[in-house]
Every structure is written in C-alpha cells, then in structure tokens.
Amino acid sequence: MPRTASVTRKTKETDITVEVNLDGSGQSRINAGIPFFAHMLDHLSRHSLIDMMVDAKGDLEIDGHHTVEDVGLSLGQALTKAFGDKSGMTRYGFASIPMNEALVDVSLDISGRPFMVFDADLPKSKVGEFDSELAEEFLRALVNAAGLTLHITVRRGTNLHHVIEAIFKALARALGDAVRIDPRLAGAVPSTKGAL
C-alpha cells in the first residue's frame, strides 16, 4: 500500500497544498514564496528521500510568519496521513550533521506525542527574506501536527545560514531513517503497546 498523502489548507492568510510520498527518492517541487525557506524544504525532501510537493501562497506583504507556520502544519498533517498506523516503521531517527563550522544533532521519535526541545540560540536576524525565528515556528507546527517527539541541539555554529541549513538536513536524515520500513518488524507496530 503506498504511503502517500495530500493536504490542502486554506485560510484568510494562506492557501497551501502539500503532497508527500514516504517511499520516494527525495524529489521535490517547492513553491513557498520565500526563497531561503523553499531551499530548506528542498533539503528536507532531498536528504530524507521523502518526495515532497509544496505550493504555498500567503500574506507575505505582512511577513513570512503565517506562511511558514501553516506549511509546517500542512506538512505535519500530510505526514500523519502517510504514516497510517505506522506498522513496520523504524520509528526512531538520529542524525548529527556538520555544515562548515556548524554542527547540529537531531533525535526524533514518531511517537504520536508532540514534544519539542529546541536547544538553539539563533540570533534574531534574516537569511535572505527569512526571519531566523521562523525556523522554530515551522518546527513546532510540524511537530504538533505530525505527533513527533523532536530534540534539536545546535552544538556550535556562527553562520546563521549554516546553522539553519544543518538543522533542516539533520531533521531530514532523522526523519528519513524513522519512516523507513524495517522488514524484521514483519509489519508490526514498533511499540509494546501495539499502537502509536
């Protein structure tokens, strides 16, 4: 059974469609209206090997907040649908990703219990048209909608572009590992409870 999903979210502030294929090859088509954010979503797709289509229109004349947060919510909802009952999934993922002087660790559990630790002191600044604090907003929305437990630790880094990119790449690798089907599970849900 294909592990794919599509979600459309339309509000007075945004109009967003997201499609995912957990068993893809990292192909993406991203239209987010904020070039750096689109670049990060492309990394999320490419390094997780999850095919991803994002078409987002938002009130960017105000700022990027509504668009970025609602993409996080929509992507999280699409992932939840694609997870199904999570049978056979590895469930856990971890990645430590360097990007020049930056080093970021991500630990992830597709637990059904949203919780995030964001151990990163990002200066309030912009990377292109992207406000740095929107990285955390996106991640929090994603975590809440997808039911993820996510711990992010920025070990070091001085270049804001490098740090945020390392966060997205580490998230991608951890998520890609967590959604992978482990044949040894023989289709069982990876929990002693029998459900996630």
N, C-alpha and C. Protein backbone atom coordinates (compact mmCIF):
# COMPACT_ATOMS: atom_id res chain seq x y z
N MET A 1 0.85 -1.19 0.00
CA MET A 1 0.00 0.00 0.00
C MET A 1 0.89 1.25 0.00
N PRO A 2 0.64 2.18 -0.92
CA PRO A 2 1.51 3.36 -1.00
C PRO A 2 1.35 4.25 0.23
N ARG A 3 2.48 4.75 0.70
CA ARG A 3 2.46 5.65 1.87
C ARG A 3 2.56 7.08 1.35
N THR A 4 1.45 7.55 0.82
CA THR A 4 1.36 8.89 0.24
C THR A 4 0.20 9.64 0.87
N ALA A 5 0.24 10.95 0.77
CA ALA A 5 -0.87 11.76 1.29
C ALA A 5 -0.82 13.15 0.68
N SER A 6 -1.98 13.77 0.68
CA SER A 6 -2.11 15.14 0.20
C SER A 6 -2.98 15.91 1.18
N VAL A 7 -2.61 17.15 1.46
CA VAL A 7 -3.37 18.01 2.37
C VAL A 7 -3.49 19.39 1.75
N THR A 8 -4.68 19.97 1.82
CA THR A 8 -4.89 21.36 1.42
C THR A 8 -5.42 22.13 2.62
N ARG A 9 -4.81 23.28 2.86
CA ARG A 9 -5.22 24.15 3.97
C ARG A 9 -5.44 25.54 3.40
N LYS A 10 -6.66 26.06 3.59
CA LYS A 10 -6.98 27.38 3.06
C LYS A 10 -7.57 28.22 4.17
N THR A 11 -6.94 29.35 4.45
CA THR A 11 -7.43 30.29 5.45
C THR A 11 -7.44 31.68 4.82
N LYS A 12 -7.80 32.68 5.61
CA LYS A 12 -7.75 34.06 5.12
C LYS A 12 -6.31 34.54 4.94
N GLU A 13 -5.37 33.80 5.54
CA GLU A 13 -3.97 34.20 5.49
C GLU A 13 -3.13 33.40 4.51
N THR A 14 -3.50 32.13 4.30
CA THR A 14 -2.70 31.25 3.45
C THR A 14 -3.56 30.30 2.63
N ASP A 15 -2.98 29.81 1.55
CA ASP A 15 -3.59 28.78 0.71
C ASP A 15 -2.45 27.80 0.37
N ILE A 16 -2.51 26.62 0.98
CA ILE A 16 -1.36 25.69 0.93
C ILE A 16 -1.82 24.30 0.53
N THR A 17 -1.07 23.69 -0.38
CA THR A 17 -1.25 22.29 -0.73
C THR A 17 0.09 21.58 -0.57
N VAL A 18 0.05 20.44 0.11
CA VAL A 18 1.26 19.64 0.34
C VAL A 18 0.97 18.20 -0.06
N GLU A 19 1.91 17.59 -0.76
CA GLU A 19 1.83 16.16 -1.09
C GLU A 19 3.14 15.51 -0.66
N VAL A 20 3.05 14.31 -0.09
CA VAL A 20 4.25 13.58 0.31
C VAL A 20 4.16 12.12 -0.12
N ASN A 21 5.33 11.54 -0.36
CA ASN A 21 5.47 10.11 -0.62
C ASN A 21 6.64 9.63 0.22
N LEU A 22 6.33 8.88 1.28
CA LEU A 22 7.37 8.44 2.20
C LEU A 22 8.38 7.49 1.55
N ASP A 23 7.95 6.83 0.49
CA ASP A 23 8.81 5.84 -0.18
C ASP A 23 9.39 6.39 -1.48
N GLY A 24 9.66 7.68 -1.48
CA GLY A 24 10.17 8.33 -2.68
C GLY A 24 11.68 8.27 -2.79
N SER A 25 12.22 9.22 -3.55
CA SER A 25 13.66 9.28 -3.77
C SER A 25 14.20 10.69 -3.51
N GLY A 26 13.41 11.50 -2.81
CA GLY A 26 13.87 12.85 -2.48
C GLY A 26 13.59 13.88 -3.56
N GLN A 27 12.59 13.61 -4.40
CA GLN A 27 12.21 14.58 -5.43
C GLN A 27 11.30 15.63 -4.80
N SER A 28 11.51 16.89 -5.16
CA SER A 28 10.68 17.95 -4.59
C SER A 28 10.28 18.97 -5.65
N ARG A 29 9.15 19.59 -5.38
CA ARG A 29 8.68 20.74 -6.15
C ARG A 29 8.14 21.72 -5.12
N ILE A 30 8.88 22.78 -4.87
CA ILE A 30 8.57 23.69 -3.77
C ILE A 30 8.29 25.08 -4.30
N ASN A 31 7.13 25.61 -3.97
CA ASN A 31 6.79 27.00 -4.24
C ASN A 31 6.28 27.57 -2.93
N ALA A 32 7.15 28.27 -2.20
CA ALA A 32 6.78 28.76 -0.87
C ALA A 32 6.77 30.28 -0.78
N GLY A 33 7.23 30.97 -1.81
CA GLY A 33 7.23 32.42 -1.80
C GLY A 33 8.37 33.06 -1.03
N ILE A 34 9.12 32.26 -0.28
CA ILE A 34 10.27 32.74 0.50
C ILE A 34 11.46 31.88 0.06
N PRO A 35 12.36 32.42 -0.75
CA PRO A 35 13.40 31.57 -1.36
C PRO A 35 14.22 30.73 -0.39
N PHE A 36 14.68 31.30 0.72
CA PHE A 36 15.50 30.52 1.65
C PHE A 36 14.68 29.39 2.28
N PHE A 37 13.42 29.66 2.62
CA PHE A 37 12.55 28.63 3.19
C PHE A 37 12.32 27.52 2.16
N ALA A 38 12.10 27.88 0.92
CA ALA A 38 11.94 26.87 -0.14
C ALA A 38 13.20 26.02 -0.25
N HIS A 39 14.36 26.65 -0.13
CA HIS A 39 15.64 25.94 -0.17
C HIS A 39 15.74 24.93 0.98
N MET A 40 15.29 25.32 2.17
CA MET A 40 15.31 24.42 3.33
C MET A 40 14.34 23.25 3.13
N LEU A 41 13.16 23.51 2.57
CA LEU A 41 12.21 22.43 2.31
C LEU A 41 12.75 21.46 1.27
N ASP A 42 13.48 21.99 0.29
CA ASP A 42 14.12 21.13 -0.70
C ASP A 42 15.14 20.21 -0.02
N HIS A 43 15.92 20.75 0.93
CA HIS A 43 16.85 19.92 1.70
C HIS A 43 16.09 18.86 2.50
N LEU A 44 14.97 19.25 3.09
CA LEU A 44 14.18 18.31 3.90
C LEU A 44 13.73 17.14 3.05
N SER A 45 13.31 17.40 1.83
CA SER A 45 12.89 16.34 0.92
C SER A 45 14.09 15.51 0.44
N ARG A 46 15.10 16.18 -0.06
CA ARG A 46 16.23 15.50 -0.69
C ARG A 46 16.98 14.58 0.29
N HIS A 47 17.19 15.05 1.51
CA HIS A 47 18.01 14.28 2.45
C HIS A 47 17.20 13.27 3.27
N SER A 48 15.88 13.36 3.23
CA SER A 48 15.03 12.34 3.87
C SER A 48 14.62 11.27 2.87
N LEU A 49 14.77 11.57 1.57
CA LEU A 49 14.30 10.74 0.46
C LEU A 49 12.76 10.65 0.43
N ILE A 50 12.10 11.62 1.07
CA ILE A 50 10.64 11.73 1.01
C ILE A 50 10.31 12.69 -0.14
N ASP A 51 9.56 12.21 -1.13
CA ASP A 51 9.12 13.10 -2.20
C ASP A 51 8.15 14.12 -1.60
N MET A 52 8.28 15.36 -2.01
CA MET A 52 7.50 16.42 -1.38
C MET A 52 7.13 17.48 -2.41
N MET A 53 5.85 17.83 -2.44
CA MET A 53 5.38 18.95 -3.23
C MET A 53 4.74 19.94 -2.28
N VAL A 54 5.17 21.18 -2.33
CA VAL A 54 4.60 22.24 -1.50
C VAL A 54 4.26 23.41 -2.40
N ASP A 55 3.00 23.81 -2.39
CA ASP A 55 2.56 25.01 -3.10
C ASP A 55 1.91 25.92 -2.06
N ALA A 56 2.59 27.00 -1.69
CA ALA A 56 2.13 27.86 -0.60
C ALA A 56 2.01 29.30 -1.07
N LYS A 57 0.82 29.84 -0.87
CA LYS A 57 0.60 31.26 -1.11
C LYS A 57 0.15 31.85 0.21
N GLY A 58 0.79 32.95 0.62
CA GLY A 58 0.46 33.54 1.90
C GLY A 58 0.57 35.05 1.87
N ASP A 59 0.22 35.66 2.99
CA ASP A 59 0.22 37.12 3.10
C ASP A 59 1.64 37.64 3.38
N LEU A 60 2.50 37.42 2.40
CA LEU A 60 3.91 37.80 2.56
C LEU A 60 4.10 39.31 2.60
N GLU A 61 3.06 40.05 2.19
CA GLU A 61 3.16 41.51 2.31
C GLU A 61 3.19 41.94 3.77
N ILE A 62 2.70 41.05 4.67
CA ILE A 62 2.80 41.31 6.11
C ILE A 62 4.16 40.83 6.60
N ASP A 63 4.36 39.52 6.54
CA ASP A 63 5.67 38.90 6.76
C ASP A 63 5.52 37.41 6.46
N GLY A 64 6.54 36.63 6.76
CA GLY A 64 6.52 35.22 6.40
C GLY A 64 5.92 34.30 7.44
N HIS A 65 5.53 34.84 8.59
CA HIS A 65 5.13 34.00 9.72
C HIS A 65 3.98 33.05 9.39
N HIS A 66 2.87 33.58 8.87
CA HIS A 66 1.70 32.73 8.61
C HIS A 66 2.01 31.64 7.59
N THR A 67 2.76 32.00 6.56
CA THR A 67 3.10 31.04 5.51
C THR A 67 3.96 29.91 6.06
N VAL A 68 5.02 30.27 6.78
CA VAL A 68 5.94 29.26 7.30
C VAL A 68 5.25 28.35 8.31
N GLU A 69 4.49 28.93 9.23
CA GLU A 69 3.79 28.12 10.23
C GLU A 69 2.76 27.20 9.59
N ASP A 70 2.00 27.72 8.63
CA ASP A 70 0.95 26.90 8.00
C ASP A 70 1.53 25.82 7.09
N VAL A 71 2.70 26.06 6.51
CA VAL A 71 3.37 24.98 5.78
C VAL A 71 3.77 23.88 6.76
N GLY A 72 4.28 24.26 7.93
CA GLY A 72 4.61 23.27 8.95
C GLY A 72 3.41 22.45 9.37
N LEU A 73 2.28 23.11 9.60
CA LEU A 73 1.05 22.39 9.96
C LEU A 73 0.60 21.46 8.84
N SER A 74 0.60 21.97 7.62
CA SER A 74 0.13 21.17 6.48
C SER A 74 1.04 19.98 6.21
N LEU A 75 2.35 20.21 6.28
CA LEU A 75 3.29 19.11 6.07
C LEU A 75 3.14 18.08 7.18
N GLY A 76 2.98 18.52 8.42
CA GLY A 76 2.76 17.60 9.52
C GLY A 76 1.51 16.77 9.35
N GLN A 77 0.42 17.39 8.88
CA GLN A 77 -0.83 16.67 8.65
C GLN A 77 -0.66 15.65 7.52
N ALA A 78 0.05 16.04 6.47
CA ALA A 78 0.29 15.11 5.37
C ALA A 78 1.13 13.92 5.82
N LEU A 79 2.16 14.19 6.61
CA LEU A 79 2.98 13.09 7.12
C LEU A 79 2.15 12.15 7.98
N THR A 80 1.31 12.70 8.85
CA THR A 80 0.46 11.86 9.71
C THR A 80 -0.42 10.94 8.88
N LYS A 81 -1.01 11.48 7.83
CA LYS A 81 -1.85 10.66 6.95
C LYS A 81 -1.02 9.56 6.28
N ALA A 82 0.19 9.94 5.82
CA ALA A 82 1.04 8.96 5.12
C ALA A 82 1.57 7.90 6.09
N PHE A 83 1.77 8.26 7.36
CA PHE A 83 2.23 7.27 8.35
C PHE A 83 1.25 6.12 8.50
N GLY A 84 -0.04 6.41 8.33
CA GLY A 84 -1.06 5.38 8.58
C GLY A 84 -0.99 4.90 10.01
N ASP A 85 -1.04 3.59 10.23
CA ASP A 85 -0.95 3.07 11.60
C ASP A 85 0.50 2.84 12.04
N LYS A 86 1.45 3.24 11.19
CA LYS A 86 2.90 3.19 11.47
C LYS A 86 3.45 1.77 11.52
N SER A 87 2.68 0.82 11.03
CA SER A 87 3.16 -0.56 11.07
C SER A 87 4.41 -0.72 10.21
N GLY A 88 5.39 -1.44 10.78
CA GLY A 88 6.64 -1.74 10.08
C GLY A 88 7.66 -0.62 10.08
N MET A 89 7.30 0.56 10.57
CA MET A 89 8.22 1.70 10.54
C MET A 89 9.30 1.58 11.60
N THR A 90 10.48 2.06 11.28
CA THR A 90 11.59 2.06 12.22
C THR A 90 11.28 2.89 13.45
N ARG A 91 10.55 3.98 13.29
CA ARG A 91 10.03 4.87 14.33
C ARG A 91 11.04 5.90 14.81
N TYR A 92 12.27 5.52 15.09
CA TYR A 92 13.27 6.44 15.65
C TYR A 92 14.28 6.84 14.59
N GLY A 93 14.79 8.07 14.73
CA GLY A 93 15.86 8.52 13.86
C GLY A 93 16.78 9.48 14.58
N PHE A 94 18.04 9.47 14.20
CA PHE A 94 19.03 10.38 14.78
C PHE A 94 20.00 10.78 13.68
N ALA A 95 20.40 12.04 13.71
CA ALA A 95 21.45 12.49 12.79
C ALA A 95 22.26 13.59 13.44
N SER A 96 23.55 13.58 13.17
CA SER A 96 24.45 14.66 13.57
C SER A 96 25.06 15.17 12.28
N ILE A 97 24.75 16.42 11.94
CA ILE A 97 25.13 16.95 10.63
C ILE A 97 26.04 18.17 10.79
N PRO A 98 27.23 18.11 10.17
CA PRO A 98 28.09 19.29 10.13
C PRO A 98 27.82 20.10 8.87
N MET A 99 27.92 21.40 8.99
CA MET A 99 27.92 22.27 7.81
C MET A 99 28.95 23.35 8.08
N ASN A 100 30.13 23.17 7.52
CA ASN A 100 31.26 24.04 7.80
C ASN A 100 31.48 24.13 9.31
N GLU A 101 31.35 25.31 9.91
CA GLU A 101 31.62 25.46 11.36
C GLU A 101 30.44 25.03 12.22
N ALA A 102 29.27 24.79 11.62
CA ALA A 102 28.06 24.45 12.36
C ALA A 102 27.95 22.93 12.54
N LEU A 103 27.42 22.54 13.69
CA LEU A 103 27.16 21.13 13.98
C LEU A 103 25.84 21.03 14.72
N VAL A 104 24.92 20.20 14.19
CA VAL A 104 23.58 20.08 14.76
C VAL A 104 23.24 18.61 14.94
N ASP A 105 22.68 18.27 16.12
CA ASP A 105 22.18 16.93 16.42
C ASP A 105 20.66 16.96 16.46
N VAL A 106 20.04 15.96 15.86
CA VAL A 106 18.58 15.81 15.90
C VAL A 106 18.24 14.38 16.29
N SER A 107 17.38 14.23 17.29
CA SER A 107 16.81 12.94 17.67
C SER A 107 15.30 13.03 17.50
N LEU A 108 14.71 12.00 16.92
CA LEU A 108 13.31 12.06 16.54
C LEU A 108 12.62 10.74 16.83
N ASP A 109 11.38 10.83 17.30
CA ASP A 109 10.54 9.66 17.56
C ASP A 109 9.16 9.95 16.97
N ILE A 110 8.71 9.08 16.09
CA ILE A 110 7.35 9.21 15.55
C ILE A 110 6.43 8.55 16.57
N SER A 111 6.19 9.28 17.64
CA SER A 111 5.59 8.73 18.85
C SER A 111 4.08 8.92 18.94
N GLY A 112 3.55 9.89 18.17
CA GLY A 112 2.16 10.28 18.36
C GLY A 112 1.99 11.26 19.51
N ARG A 113 3.09 11.59 20.18
CA ARG A 113 3.06 12.53 21.32
C ARG A 113 3.93 13.73 20.97
N PRO A 114 3.30 14.85 20.58
CA PRO A 114 4.10 16.01 20.17
C PRO A 114 4.87 16.63 21.32
N PHE A 115 6.17 16.77 21.11
CA PHE A 115 7.02 17.41 22.12
C PHE A 115 8.29 17.85 21.41
N MET A 116 8.74 19.06 21.70
CA MET A 116 9.95 19.54 21.05
C MET A 116 10.87 20.23 22.06
N VAL A 117 12.14 19.89 21.97
CA VAL A 117 13.19 20.62 22.67
C VAL A 117 14.04 21.27 21.59
N PHE A 118 14.11 22.59 21.63
CA PHE A 118 14.86 23.36 20.63
C PHE A 118 16.00 24.06 21.34
N ASP A 119 17.14 23.39 21.42
CA ASP A 119 18.30 23.90 22.13
C ASP A 119 19.19 24.62 21.12
N ALA A 120 18.75 25.84 20.78
CA ALA A 120 19.45 26.63 19.79
C ALA A 120 19.27 28.10 20.12
N ASP A 121 20.33 28.81 20.14
CA ASP A 121 20.28 30.24 20.41
C ASP A 121 20.53 30.98 19.10
N LEU A 122 19.48 31.07 18.29
CA LEU A 122 19.63 31.73 17.00
C LEU A 122 19.48 33.24 17.17
N PRO A 123 20.41 34.02 16.67
CA PRO A 123 20.22 35.47 16.73
C PRO A 123 19.03 35.89 15.89
N LYS A 124 18.30 36.89 16.36
CA LYS A 124 17.17 37.39 15.58
C LYS A 124 17.72 38.17 14.40
N SER A 125 17.60 37.56 13.24
CA SER A 125 18.18 38.16 12.04
C SER A 125 17.44 37.59 10.84
N LYS A 126 17.89 37.91 9.67
CA LYS A 126 17.30 37.39 8.43
C LYS A 126 18.36 36.64 7.63
N VAL A 127 17.89 35.58 6.97
CA VAL A 127 18.70 34.94 5.94
C VAL A 127 17.90 35.14 4.66
N GLY A 128 18.36 36.02 3.81
CA GLY A 128 17.54 36.44 2.68
C GLY A 128 16.29 37.13 3.22
N GLU A 129 15.12 36.61 2.84
CA GLU A 129 13.84 37.17 3.32
C GLU A 129 13.27 36.35 4.47
N PHE A 130 14.04 35.43 5.00
CA PHE A 130 13.57 34.50 6.02
C PHE A 130 14.00 34.98 7.40
N ASP A 131 13.02 35.23 8.29
CA ASP A 131 13.32 35.62 9.67
C ASP A 131 13.78 34.38 10.43
N SER A 132 14.92 34.48 11.12
CA SER A 132 15.52 33.30 11.75
C SER A 132 14.59 32.63 12.76
N GLU A 133 13.76 33.40 13.49
CA GLU A 133 12.88 32.78 14.48
C GLU A 133 11.79 31.92 13.84
N LEU A 134 11.60 32.05 12.53
CA LEU A 134 10.59 31.23 11.85
C LEU A 134 11.03 29.77 11.72
N ALA A 135 12.31 29.49 11.86
CA ALA A 135 12.77 28.10 11.85
C ALA A 135 12.10 27.33 12.99
N GLU A 136 12.12 27.91 14.19
CA GLU A 136 11.48 27.26 15.34
C GLU A 136 9.97 27.19 15.17
N GLU A 137 9.36 28.23 14.60
CA GLU A 137 7.90 28.23 14.38
C GLU A 137 7.50 27.09 13.43
N PHE A 138 8.26 26.92 12.35
CA PHE A 138 7.99 25.83 11.41
C PHE A 138 8.09 24.48 12.11
N LEU A 139 9.17 24.29 12.85
CA LEU A 139 9.41 23.00 13.50
C LEU A 139 8.34 22.69 14.54
N ARG A 140 7.93 23.70 15.31
CA ARG A 140 6.89 23.48 16.34
C ARG A 140 5.57 23.09 15.69
N ALA A 141 5.21 23.76 14.59
CA ALA A 141 3.98 23.43 13.88
C ALA A 141 4.05 22.02 13.30
N LEU A 142 5.20 21.66 12.73
CA LEU A 142 5.40 20.32 12.17
C LEU A 142 5.26 19.25 13.25
N VAL A 143 5.93 19.46 14.37
CA VAL A 143 5.91 18.52 15.49
C VAL A 143 4.49 18.30 16.01
N ASN A 144 3.75 19.40 16.20
CA ASN A 144 2.40 19.30 16.74
C ASN A 144 1.46 18.59 15.78
N ALA A 145 1.58 18.87 14.49
CA ALA A 145 0.66 18.27 13.51
C ALA A 145 1.03 16.82 13.19
N ALA A 146 2.31 16.47 13.25
CA ALA A 146 2.75 15.11 12.90
C ALA A 146 2.87 14.20 14.11
N GLY A 147 2.72 14.75 15.32
CA GLY A 147 2.85 13.92 16.52
C GLY A 147 4.26 13.40 16.72
N LEU A 148 5.23 14.27 16.53
CA LEU A 148 6.64 13.88 16.68
C LEU A 148 7.18 14.31 18.03
N THR A 149 8.09 13.52 18.57
CA THR A 149 8.96 13.98 19.64
C THR A 149 10.28 14.33 18.97
N LEU A 150 10.70 15.59 19.13
CA LEU A 150 11.86 16.09 18.39
C LEU A 150 12.77 16.87 19.32
N HIS A 151 14.03 16.46 19.36
CA HIS A 151 15.06 17.17 20.12
C HIS A 151 16.10 17.68 19.14
N ILE A 152 16.33 18.99 19.18
CA ILE A 152 17.32 19.62 18.31
C ILE A 152 18.35 20.31 19.19
N THR A 153 19.62 19.98 18.97
CA THR A 153 20.71 20.63 19.71
C THR A 153 21.71 21.20 18.71
N VAL A 154 21.87 22.52 18.75
CA VAL A 154 22.91 23.15 17.95
C VAL A 154 24.19 23.13 18.79
N ARG A 155 25.13 22.29 18.39
CA ARG A 155 26.38 22.13 19.15
C ARG A 155 27.28 23.35 19.00
N ARG A 156 27.36 23.85 17.77
CA ARG A 156 28.17 25.03 17.52
C ARG A 156 27.76 25.61 16.17
N GLY A 157 28.19 26.83 15.93
CA GLY A 157 27.91 27.48 14.65
C GLY A 157 27.81 28.98 14.81
N THR A 158 28.40 29.70 13.87
CA THR A 158 28.37 31.16 13.92
C THR A 158 27.67 31.76 12.70
N ASN A 159 27.63 31.02 11.61
CA ASN A 159 26.97 31.50 10.39
C ASN A 159 25.52 31.03 10.41
N LEU A 160 24.58 31.97 10.46
CA LEU A 160 23.17 31.63 10.62
C LEU A 160 22.65 30.76 9.49
N HIS A 161 23.07 31.02 8.27
CA HIS A 161 22.68 30.18 7.14
C HIS A 161 23.11 28.74 7.36
N HIS A 162 24.36 28.55 7.78
CA HIS A 162 24.89 27.20 8.01
C HIS A 162 24.12 26.49 9.13
N VAL A 163 23.83 27.21 10.20
CA VAL A 163 23.15 26.59 11.35
C VAL A 163 21.75 26.13 10.96
N ILE A 164 20.97 27.01 10.33
CA ILE A 164 19.60 26.64 9.96
C ILE A 164 19.61 25.52 8.93
N GLU A 165 20.52 25.58 7.98
CA GLU A 165 20.60 24.51 6.98
C GLU A 165 20.98 23.18 7.63
N ALA A 166 21.89 23.20 8.58
CA ALA A 166 22.26 21.97 9.28
C ALA A 166 21.08 21.42 10.08
N ILE A 167 20.26 22.29 10.65
CA ILE A 167 19.04 21.84 11.36
C ILE A 167 18.13 21.09 10.40
N PHE A 168 17.86 21.67 9.24
CA PHE A 168 16.94 21.03 8.29
C PHE A 168 17.53 19.74 7.73
N LYS A 169 18.83 19.71 7.48
CA LYS A 169 19.45 18.49 6.95
C LYS A 169 19.45 17.38 8.01
N ALA A 170 19.73 17.74 9.26
CA ALA A 170 19.70 16.73 10.32
C ALA A 170 18.29 16.22 10.55
N LEU A 171 17.31 17.11 10.53
CA LEU A 171 15.91 16.69 10.63
C LEU A 171 15.57 15.74 9.49
N ALA A 172 16.00 16.08 8.30
CA ALA A 172 15.71 15.25 7.14
C ALA A 172 16.28 13.84 7.30
N ARG A 173 17.54 13.74 7.69
CA ARG A 173 18.16 12.42 7.84
C ARG A 173 17.47 11.60 8.93
N ALA A 174 17.16 12.26 10.06
CA ALA A 174 16.50 11.55 11.16
C ALA A 174 15.10 11.10 10.74
N LEU A 175 14.36 11.97 10.06
CA LEU A 175 13.01 11.62 9.62
C LEU A 175 13.04 10.51 8.57
N GLY A 176 13.99 10.60 7.65
CA GLY A 176 14.12 9.56 6.63
C GLY A 176 14.38 8.19 7.24
N ASP A 177 15.24 8.15 8.28
CA ASP A 177 15.50 6.88 8.97
C ASP A 177 14.27 6.39 9.72
N ALA A 178 13.56 7.31 10.36
CA ALA A 178 12.42 6.93 11.20
C ALA A 178 11.25 6.37 10.39
N VAL A 179 11.04 6.87 9.17
CA VAL A 179 9.89 6.40 8.37
C VAL A 179 10.21 5.13 7.59
N ARG A 180 11.49 4.74 7.57
CA ARG A 180 11.89 3.57 6.79
C ARG A 180 11.22 2.30 7.32
N ILE A 181 10.81 1.44 6.42
CA ILE A 181 10.22 0.15 6.80
C ILE A 181 11.35 -0.82 7.15
N ASP A 182 11.24 -1.42 8.34
CA ASP A 182 12.20 -2.43 8.78
C ASP A 182 11.55 -3.79 8.56
N PRO A 183 12.06 -4.58 7.61
CA PRO A 183 11.43 -5.87 7.31
C PRO A 183 11.41 -6.83 8.50
N ARG A 184 12.31 -6.63 9.46
CA ARG A 184 12.34 -7.52 10.63
C ARG A 184 11.12 -7.35 11.51
N LEU A 185 10.45 -6.19 11.38
CA LEU A 185 9.23 -5.97 12.16
C LEU A 185 8.04 -6.76 11.61
N ALA A 186 8.17 -7.22 10.38
CA ALA A 186 7.12 -8.02 9.73
C ALA A 186 5.76 -7.34 9.83
N GLY A 187 5.76 -6.01 9.64
CA GLY A 187 4.50 -5.28 9.62
C GLY A 187 3.95 -4.90 10.97
N ALA A 188 4.65 -5.25 12.06
CA ALA A 188 4.16 -4.92 13.40
C ALA A 188 4.38 -3.43 13.68
N VAL A 189 3.55 -2.88 14.56
CA VAL A 189 3.73 -1.52 15.01
C VAL A 189 4.88 -1.52 16.03
N PRO A 190 5.86 -0.60 15.88
CA PRO A 190 7.05 -0.63 16.74
C PRO A 190 6.79 -0.05 18.12
N SER A 191 5.96 -0.74 18.89
CA SER A 191 5.65 -0.31 20.26
C SER A 191 5.15 -1.51 21.04
N THR A 192 5.52 -1.60 22.31
CA THR A 192 4.98 -2.67 23.17
C THR A 192 3.49 -2.50 23.41
N LYS A 193 2.97 -1.28 23.18
CA LYS A 193 1.54 -1.04 23.34
C LYS A 193 0.73 -1.62 22.17
N GLY A 194 1.42 -1.85 21.06
CA GLY A 194 0.72 -2.35 19.87
C GLY A 194 0.10 -1.24 19.03
N ALA A 195 0.28 0.01 19.46
CA ALA A 195 -0.25 1.16 18.71
C ALA A 195 0.57 2.39 19.05
N LEU A 196 0.66 3.29 18.09
CA LEU A 196 1.34 4.57 18.31
C LEU A 196 0.39 5.70 17.96
